[in-house]
Protein backbone atom coordinates (compact mmCIF):
# COMPACT_ATOMS: atom_id res chain seq x y z
CA UNK A 1 82.62 118.26 -70.95
CA UNK A 2 80.09 120.66 -69.21
CA UNK A 3 81.27 122.15 -65.99
CA UNK A 4 78.02 120.86 -64.34
CA UNK A 5 78.67 117.41 -65.02
CA UNK A 6 81.79 115.31 -63.82
CA UNK A 7 82.66 111.59 -63.55
CA UNK A 8 82.59 109.85 -60.20
CA UNK A 9 85.97 108.29 -59.11
CA UNK A 10 86.77 104.90 -60.87
CA UNK A 11 83.29 104.37 -62.27
CA UNK A 12 82.78 106.89 -65.29
CA UNK A 13 79.28 107.54 -63.83
CA UNK A 14 78.18 111.03 -64.88
CA UNK A 15 76.00 112.84 -61.99
CA UNK A 16 74.92 116.13 -62.67
CA UNK A 17 75.74 118.49 -59.88
CA UNK A 18 72.30 120.00 -60.20
CA UNK A 19 70.82 116.38 -59.70
CA UNK A 20 72.90 115.90 -56.52
CA UNK A 21 72.06 119.07 -55.05
CA UNK A 22 68.37 118.46 -55.84
CA UNK A 23 68.57 114.89 -54.09
CA UNK A 24 70.53 116.37 -51.09
CA UNK A 25 67.86 119.04 -50.59
CA UNK A 26 65.41 116.31 -49.89
CA UNK A 27 67.45 113.95 -47.71
CA UNK A 28 65.72 115.05 -44.38
CA UNK A 29 62.43 113.80 -45.73
CA UNK A 30 63.94 110.73 -47.05
CA UNK A 31 65.72 110.06 -43.75
CA UNK A 32 62.07 110.56 -41.94
CA UNK A 33 60.52 107.82 -44.53
CA UNK A 34 63.34 105.46 -43.89
CA UNK A 35 62.90 105.60 -40.13
CA UNK A 36 58.89 105.59 -40.42
CA UNK A 37 59.32 102.43 -42.73
CA UNK A 38 61.73 100.47 -40.42
CA UNK A 39 59.47 101.23 -37.37
CA UNK A 40 56.44 99.97 -39.32
CA UNK A 41 57.97 96.89 -40.84
CA UNK A 42 60.38 96.00 -37.86
CA UNK A 43 58.28 96.04 -34.77
CA UNK A 44 61.34 95.69 -32.19
CA UNK A 45 62.53 99.01 -33.32
CA UNK A 46 59.42 100.97 -32.45
CA UNK A 47 60.48 101.95 -28.94
CA UNK A 48 64.32 102.29 -30.08
CA UNK A 49 63.29 105.01 -32.64
CA UNK A 50 61.18 107.15 -30.27
CA UNK A 51 61.91 110.48 -28.66
CA UNK A 52 65.40 111.59 -28.73
CA UNK A 53 67.05 108.43 -29.93
CA UNK A 54 64.77 108.68 -32.88
CA UNK A 55 65.97 111.92 -33.79
CA UNK A 56 69.63 110.78 -33.51
CA UNK A 57 68.88 107.92 -35.72
CA UNK A 58 67.32 110.03 -38.31
CA UNK A 59 70.15 112.33 -38.38
CA UNK A 60 72.58 109.21 -38.67
CA UNK A 61 70.50 108.16 -41.68
CA UNK A 62 70.70 111.58 -43.32
CA UNK A 63 74.46 111.77 -42.71
CA UNK A 64 74.86 108.37 -44.29
CA UNK A 65 73.07 109.14 -47.32
CA UNK A 66 74.75 112.62 -47.40
CA UNK A 67 77.81 110.75 -47.48
CA UNK A 68 76.77 108.55 -50.42
CA UNK A 69 75.87 111.51 -52.37
CA UNK A 70 79.40 112.93 -51.94
CA UNK A 71 80.90 109.90 -53.35
CA UNK A 72 78.28 109.39 -55.98
CA UNK A 73 78.58 112.97 -56.89
CA UNK A 74 82.38 112.62 -57.67
CA UNK A 75 84.32 113.59 -54.74
CA UNK A 76 88.03 113.58 -55.94
CA UNK A 77 89.67 110.25 -55.11
CA UNK A 78 86.70 108.67 -53.61
CA UNK A 79 85.25 105.24 -54.61
CA UNK A 80 81.48 105.24 -54.71
CA UNK A 81 81.14 101.55 -53.74
CA UNK A 82 83.38 102.16 -50.50
CA UNK A 83 81.78 104.33 -47.71
CA UNK A 84 84.07 106.83 -45.98
CA UNK A 85 85.75 105.86 -42.71
CA UNK A 86 83.20 107.88 -40.62
CA UNK A 87 80.19 106.14 -42.20
CA UNK A 88 81.73 102.71 -41.77
CA UNK A 89 82.79 103.47 -38.28
CA UNK A 90 79.22 104.55 -37.44
CA UNK A 91 77.77 101.40 -38.96
CA UNK A 92 80.11 99.35 -36.99
CA UNK A 93 79.32 101.04 -33.62
CA UNK A 94 75.53 100.84 -34.56
CA UNK A 95 76.11 96.96 -34.75
CA UNK A 96 77.67 96.98 -31.30
CA UNK A 97 75.11 98.98 -29.88
CA UNK A 98 72.34 96.73 -31.39
CA UNK A 99 74.08 93.75 -29.79
CA UNK A 100 74.01 95.37 -26.38
CA UNK A 101 70.43 96.05 -26.68
CA UNK A 102 69.66 92.56 -27.14
CA UNK A 103 68.52 92.77 -30.88
CA UNK A 104 69.67 90.24 -33.47
CA UNK A 105 71.39 90.73 -36.76
CA UNK A 106 68.19 89.55 -38.38
CA UNK A 107 66.40 92.67 -37.29
CA UNK A 108 69.44 95.05 -38.19
CA UNK A 109 69.82 93.51 -41.62
CA UNK A 110 66.12 93.90 -42.10
CA UNK A 111 66.36 97.68 -41.21
CA UNK A 112 68.94 97.85 -43.71
CA UNK A 113 67.09 96.24 -46.59
CA UNK A 114 64.24 98.57 -45.74
CA UNK A 115 66.28 101.59 -45.72
CA UNK A 116 67.88 100.68 -49.02
CA UNK A 117 64.59 99.97 -50.61
CA UNK A 118 63.07 103.37 -49.37
CA UNK A 119 66.23 105.32 -49.89
CA UNK A 120 66.38 104.27 -53.42
CA UNK A 121 62.71 104.92 -54.19
CA UNK A 122 62.91 108.36 -52.82
CA UNK A 123 66.09 109.42 -54.43
CA UNK A 124 65.58 107.86 -57.57
CA UNK A 125 62.17 109.80 -57.88
CA UNK A 126 64.32 113.15 -57.38
CA UNK A 127 67.13 112.00 -59.70
CA UNK A 128 64.55 111.50 -62.52
CA UNK A 129 62.98 114.90 -61.74
CA UNK A 130 66.46 116.26 -62.12
CA UNK A 131 66.96 114.72 -65.66
CA UNK A 132 69.21 111.72 -65.03
CA UNK A 133 69.29 109.36 -68.08
CA UNK A 134 68.07 105.70 -67.72
CA UNK A 135 71.60 104.60 -68.12
CA UNK A 136 73.02 106.74 -65.39
CA UNK A 137 69.91 105.81 -63.26
CA UNK A 138 70.73 102.06 -63.53
CA UNK A 139 74.32 102.77 -62.44
CA UNK A 140 72.97 105.00 -59.78
CA UNK A 141 71.08 102.20 -58.40
CA UNK A 142 73.96 99.76 -58.19
CA UNK A 143 75.95 102.31 -56.17
CA UNK A 144 72.95 102.82 -53.65
CA UNK A 145 72.75 99.07 -52.91
CA UNK A 146 76.60 98.48 -52.84
CA UNK A 147 77.01 101.34 -50.42
CA UNK A 148 74.26 100.04 -48.25
CA UNK A 149 75.68 96.45 -48.43
CA UNK A 150 78.93 98.12 -47.06
CA UNK A 151 77.47 99.72 -44.28
CA UNK A 152 75.46 96.52 -43.39
CA UNK A 153 78.41 94.46 -43.40
CA UNK A 154 80.17 96.83 -40.94
CA UNK A 155 77.15 96.71 -38.64
CA UNK A 156 77.19 92.89 -38.65
CA UNK A 157 81.07 92.90 -37.80
CA UNK A 158 80.17 95.33 -34.91
CA UNK A 159 77.40 93.11 -33.54
CA UNK A 160 79.54 90.00 -33.77
CA UNK A 161 82.60 91.62 -32.18
CA UNK A 162 80.27 93.08 -29.25
CA UNK A 163 78.78 89.52 -28.53
CA UNK A 164 82.27 88.00 -28.57
CA UNK A 165 83.59 90.66 -26.29
CA UNK A 166 80.70 90.53 -23.87
CA UNK A 167 80.52 86.71 -24.02
CA UNK A 168 84.21 86.53 -23.02
CA UNK A 169 83.76 89.23 -20.41
CA UNK A 170 80.86 87.24 -18.73
CA UNK A 171 82.64 84.05 -18.84
CA UNK A 172 85.45 85.47 -16.96
CA UNK A 173 83.09 86.90 -14.55
CA UNK A 174 81.42 83.37 -14.10
CA UNK A 175 84.76 81.61 -13.76
CA UNK A 176 85.71 83.96 -11.05
CA UNK A 177 82.77 82.94 -9.14
CA UNK A 178 83.56 79.23 -9.64
CA UNK A 179 87.22 80.23 -8.42
CA UNK A 180 86.06 81.84 -5.30
CA UNK A 181 83.78 78.96 -4.33
CA UNK A 182 86.47 76.46 -4.80
CA UNK A 183 89.24 78.28 -2.82
CA UNK A 184 86.89 78.85 0.06
CA UNK A 185 86.51 82.78 -0.41
CA UNK A 186 84.35 84.47 2.32
CA UNK A 187 80.74 84.41 1.50
CA UNK A 188 80.59 88.32 0.91
CA UNK A 189 83.22 87.90 -1.78
CA UNK A 190 81.54 85.16 -3.60
CA UNK A 191 78.08 87.05 -3.55
CA UNK A 192 79.64 90.24 -4.80
CA UNK A 193 81.05 88.19 -7.62
CA UNK A 194 77.72 86.69 -8.42
CA UNK A 195 76.13 90.10 -8.46
CA UNK A 196 78.76 91.47 -10.65
CA UNK A 197 78.13 88.73 -13.15
CA UNK A 198 74.37 89.00 -13.11
CA UNK A 199 74.30 85.21 -11.95
CA UNK A 200 71.24 84.30 -10.07
CA UNK A 201 72.28 82.61 -6.90
CA UNK A 202 70.65 79.07 -6.64
CA UNK A 203 69.75 77.08 -3.60
CA UNK A 204 72.22 74.26 -4.23
CA UNK A 205 75.20 73.50 -6.63
CA UNK A 206 76.54 70.01 -7.64
CA UNK A 207 80.00 69.38 -8.90
CA UNK A 208 80.34 67.43 -12.03
CA UNK A 209 83.73 66.22 -13.49
CA UNK A 210 83.22 66.03 -17.31
CA UNK A 211 85.83 64.97 -20.09
CA UNK A 212 86.39 67.74 -22.26
CA UNK A 213 84.94 66.03 -25.22
CA UNK A 214 81.51 65.66 -23.49
CA UNK A 215 81.47 69.06 -22.15
CA UNK A 216 79.20 70.55 -25.10
CA UNK A 217 76.62 67.87 -25.16
CA UNK A 218 76.37 67.94 -21.37
CA UNK A 219 76.01 71.74 -21.10
CA UNK A 220 73.41 71.64 -23.97
CA UNK A 221 71.06 69.69 -21.45
CA UNK A 222 71.87 71.56 -18.19
CA UNK A 223 70.76 74.97 -16.77
CA UNK A 224 72.40 77.96 -18.56
CA UNK A 225 73.35 79.20 -15.31
CA UNK A 226 75.66 76.40 -15.11
CA UNK A 227 79.17 77.47 -14.02
CA UNK A 228 82.19 75.98 -15.93
CA UNK A 229 85.76 76.08 -15.25
CA UNK A 230 89.00 74.39 -15.92
CA UNK A 231 90.90 72.08 -13.30
CA UNK A 232 94.59 72.94 -13.59
CA UNK A 233 95.73 69.87 -12.00
CA UNK A 234 93.86 67.56 -14.43
CA UNK A 235 94.08 67.40 -18.20
CA UNK A 236 91.26 66.69 -20.55
CA UNK A 237 88.49 67.19 -17.97
CA UNK A 238 86.29 70.30 -16.99
CA UNK A 239 84.34 71.14 -13.87
CA UNK A 240 80.73 72.06 -14.19
CA UNK A 241 78.76 73.43 -11.00
CA UNK A 242 75.17 72.69 -11.77
CA UNK A 243 72.51 74.87 -10.03
CA UNK A 244 69.60 73.27 -8.28
CA UNK A 245 70.16 69.64 -9.33
CA UNK A 246 68.78 68.30 -5.89
CA UNK A 247 65.78 66.24 -5.17
CA UNK A 248 63.96 65.01 -8.07
CA UNK A 249 66.02 67.10 -10.46
CA UNK A 250 69.20 65.08 -9.57
CA UNK A 251 67.65 62.15 -11.67
CA UNK A 252 67.59 64.44 -14.61
CA UNK A 253 71.29 65.41 -14.12
CA UNK A 254 72.43 61.74 -13.53
CA UNK A 255 70.71 60.68 -16.93
CA UNK A 256 72.34 63.47 -18.74
CA UNK A 257 75.78 62.47 -17.55
CA UNK A 258 75.29 58.63 -17.65
CA UNK A 259 77.68 56.77 -20.00
CA UNK A 260 79.88 59.81 -20.47
CA UNK A 261 82.61 58.98 -17.89
CA UNK A 262 81.41 61.88 -15.72
CA UNK A 263 81.65 62.06 -11.93
CA UNK A 264 78.69 63.79 -10.31
CA UNK A 265 79.16 64.79 -6.60
CA UNK A 266 76.28 65.51 -4.09
CA UNK A 267 74.21 68.51 -3.97
CA UNK A 268 75.30 71.03 -1.52
CA UNK A 269 74.16 74.51 -0.43
CA UNK A 270 75.82 76.57 -3.36
CA UNK A 271 78.28 78.33 -0.87
CA UNK A 272 79.55 74.91 0.22
CA UNK A 273 80.07 73.36 -3.20
CA UNK A 274 83.40 72.81 -2.48
CA UNK A 275 82.36 69.65 -0.53
CA UNK A 276 80.75 68.35 -3.45
CA UNK A 277 83.86 69.03 -5.56
CA UNK A 278 86.07 67.26 -3.09
CA UNK A 279 83.85 64.22 -3.05
CA UNK A 280 83.76 64.01 -6.74
CA UNK A 281 87.52 64.44 -6.94
CA UNK A 282 88.08 61.67 -4.56
CA UNK A 283 85.71 59.38 -6.64
CA UNK A 284 87.53 60.00 -9.66
CA UNK A 285 90.94 59.39 -7.91
CA UNK A 286 89.55 56.07 -6.94
CA UNK A 287 88.56 55.05 -10.43
CA UNK A 288 84.90 55.54 -9.84
CA UNK A 289 82.46 57.48 -12.09
CA UNK A 290 78.83 58.23 -12.26
CA UNK A 291 77.01 59.15 -9.06
CA UNK A 292 79.14 59.29 -6.16
CA UNK A 293 76.19 58.71 -3.91
CA UNK A 294 76.35 55.21 -5.20
CA UNK A 295 79.70 54.69 -3.98
CA UNK A 296 79.67 56.08 -0.51
CA UNK A 297 80.65 52.89 1.15
CA UNK A 298 84.01 52.66 -1.06
CA UNK A 299 84.57 56.45 -0.52
CA UNK A 300 84.22 55.97 3.28
CA UNK A 301 86.59 52.97 3.28
CA UNK A 302 89.23 54.66 1.21
CA UNK A 303 88.99 58.19 2.89
CA UNK A 304 92.47 57.23 4.53
CA UNK A 305 94.20 54.62 2.63
CA UNK A 306 97.12 54.09 5.38
CA UNK A 307 94.47 53.82 8.23
CA UNK A 308 92.46 51.34 6.40
CA UNK A 309 95.65 49.34 5.37
CA UNK A 310 96.60 49.29 9.25
CA UNK A 311 93.02 48.19 10.22
CA UNK A 312 92.97 45.14 7.56
CA UNK A 313 96.41 44.13 8.79
CA UNK A 314 95.25 44.09 12.53
CA UNK A 315 91.75 42.53 11.85
CA UNK A 316 93.05 39.76 9.56
CA UNK A 317 96.17 39.00 11.33
CA UNK A 318 94.90 35.63 12.56
CA UNK A 319 94.91 34.61 8.86
CA UNK A 320 98.19 35.85 8.03
CA UNK A 321 99.99 32.60 8.84
CA UNK A 322 97.74 30.41 6.70
CA UNK A 323 98.54 29.21 3.02
CA UNK A 324 96.94 32.02 0.48
CA UNK A 325 94.18 29.39 -0.72
CA UNK A 326 93.22 28.56 2.76
CA UNK A 327 93.16 32.14 4.05
CA UNK A 328 91.11 33.37 1.12
CA UNK A 329 88.40 30.64 1.54
CA UNK A 330 88.19 31.59 5.26
CA UNK A 331 87.93 35.24 4.55
CA UNK A 332 85.27 34.66 2.08
CA UNK A 333 83.41 32.56 4.58
CA UNK A 334 83.83 35.14 7.32
CA UNK A 335 82.66 37.88 4.96
CA UNK A 336 79.44 35.97 4.07
CA UNK A 337 78.85 34.98 7.87
CA UNK A 338 79.13 38.64 8.74
CA UNK A 339 76.89 39.64 5.96
CA UNK A 340 74.19 37.12 6.66
CA UNK A 341 74.52 37.57 10.44
CA UNK A 342 75.58 33.92 10.88
CA UNK A 343 72.63 32.32 9.07
CA UNK A 344 74.46 29.10 7.96
CA UNK A 345 72.22 28.26 4.95
CA UNK A 346 72.38 31.65 3.53
CA UNK A 347 76.07 31.69 3.86
CA UNK A 348 76.20 28.25 2.11
CA UNK A 349 74.02 29.58 -0.71
CA UNK A 350 76.15 32.69 -1.12
CA UNK A 351 79.39 30.69 -1.19
CA UNK A 352 77.82 27.75 -3.38
CA UNK A 353 79.00 25.29 -0.68
CA UNK A 354 77.43 22.79 1.46
CA UNK A 355 76.13 24.06 4.87
CA UNK A 356 78.55 21.52 6.45
CA UNK A 357 81.41 23.23 4.63
CA UNK A 358 80.31 26.51 6.21
CA UNK A 359 80.31 24.71 9.72
CA UNK A 360 83.58 23.36 9.31
CA UNK A 361 85.25 26.77 8.10
CA UNK A 362 83.46 28.57 11.00
CA UNK A 363 85.02 26.04 13.38
CA UNK A 364 88.44 26.92 11.88
CA UNK A 365 87.76 30.67 12.36
CA UNK A 366 86.73 30.23 16.14
CA UNK A 367 89.91 28.39 16.73
CA UNK A 368 91.82 31.31 15.12
CA UNK A 369 89.85 34.34 16.68
CA UNK A 370 88.39 32.69 19.83
CA UNK A 371 85.91 34.81 21.65
CA UNK A 372 86.76 38.04 19.68
CA UNK A 373 84.23 36.88 16.99
CA UNK A 374 81.51 37.82 19.50
CA UNK A 375 83.10 41.02 20.48
CA UNK A 376 81.21 44.07 18.56
CA UNK A 377 84.44 46.22 17.93
CA UNK A 378 86.13 42.97 16.48
CA UNK A 379 83.14 42.41 14.30
CA UNK A 380 82.91 46.14 13.09
CA UNK A 381 86.67 45.95 12.26
CA UNK A 382 86.26 42.66 10.26
CA UNK A 383 83.32 44.05 8.55
CA UNK A 384 85.12 47.15 7.37
CA UNK A 385 88.39 45.13 6.48
CA UNK A 386 86.74 42.31 4.42
CA UNK A 387 84.43 45.03 2.97
CA UNK A 388 87.47 46.89 1.63
CA UNK A 389 88.84 43.72 -0.08
CA UNK A 390 85.82 43.42 -2.12
CA UNK A 391 86.69 44.35 -5.78
């Protein structure tokens, strides 16, 4: 075997040392051509490759190609299809940097494809001039593209890892905002957390309790600024804090959560969203769902269950000694009489009875309550007590 020719590791590919040296001498111009082609064909890289950064990238391209030549030229123990660790690490970090810059893997992979094409075009020209045989040139082409594939895969992995890491960090920062809002932290603490997360402070927030199975479809229709957090005291539900869902926008929110077993609290100034959360939680505890504003009477009546029970017992005490069936009919009549402001015909229509029946029952009630039926405080207490007993 000629001393100027040696096989590459594991491939049996003969690369003349003279050919490797010839190609290596042109790597600076190859790197320039690669960068120029990428700038021309991938517009999003035009600014990134300018100035000092452009020079850094040219050097990185040149080093990567030089590493390939070291492998293809038969570095002892090397596998030409497997880039050296520094090259892989460099490609991985490039992918992470691209993610931080906001560029997609589409742009990155396009740059690699262009780089592979231009590199092969240039290096093959010099390889042919150096006397490589057609058979060796074919194998050389395989190694070029296999090497670029390895580097591009490392960059994609870096891009993916960076997005996952930054996504987790941002999610933690957003969850911290929600935590501060719900525990009542000082306004300065909450606004500082919002600034660290880069979260735009809205005018209002609306608390929405959502079953875990519905979180994804609901979030897909809400503002991307929506805060999401878990509720440690409740299983299988999540809490969303929806920005600026007040006024006309509330209708869109309610349509989004309709028929999903969600509970939507009222819109409140964003630093006071705990009030919206508390109301939504009370509604859920009462077995209500949907718009809490549609359940205000029930929520008010059940705000203090013990007090309501005492009020009902006191207001309805005159009926307590009657047979259950009689007491129920008189309670229904009294409720309708209060709601229809004593209009006998309307009361009869509501109860599906004859007006004379209403007159008879009201006579019984006046015997039980006496003049108290004319007392505003008694009327208020009866209205609340009888309203609370409506299923």
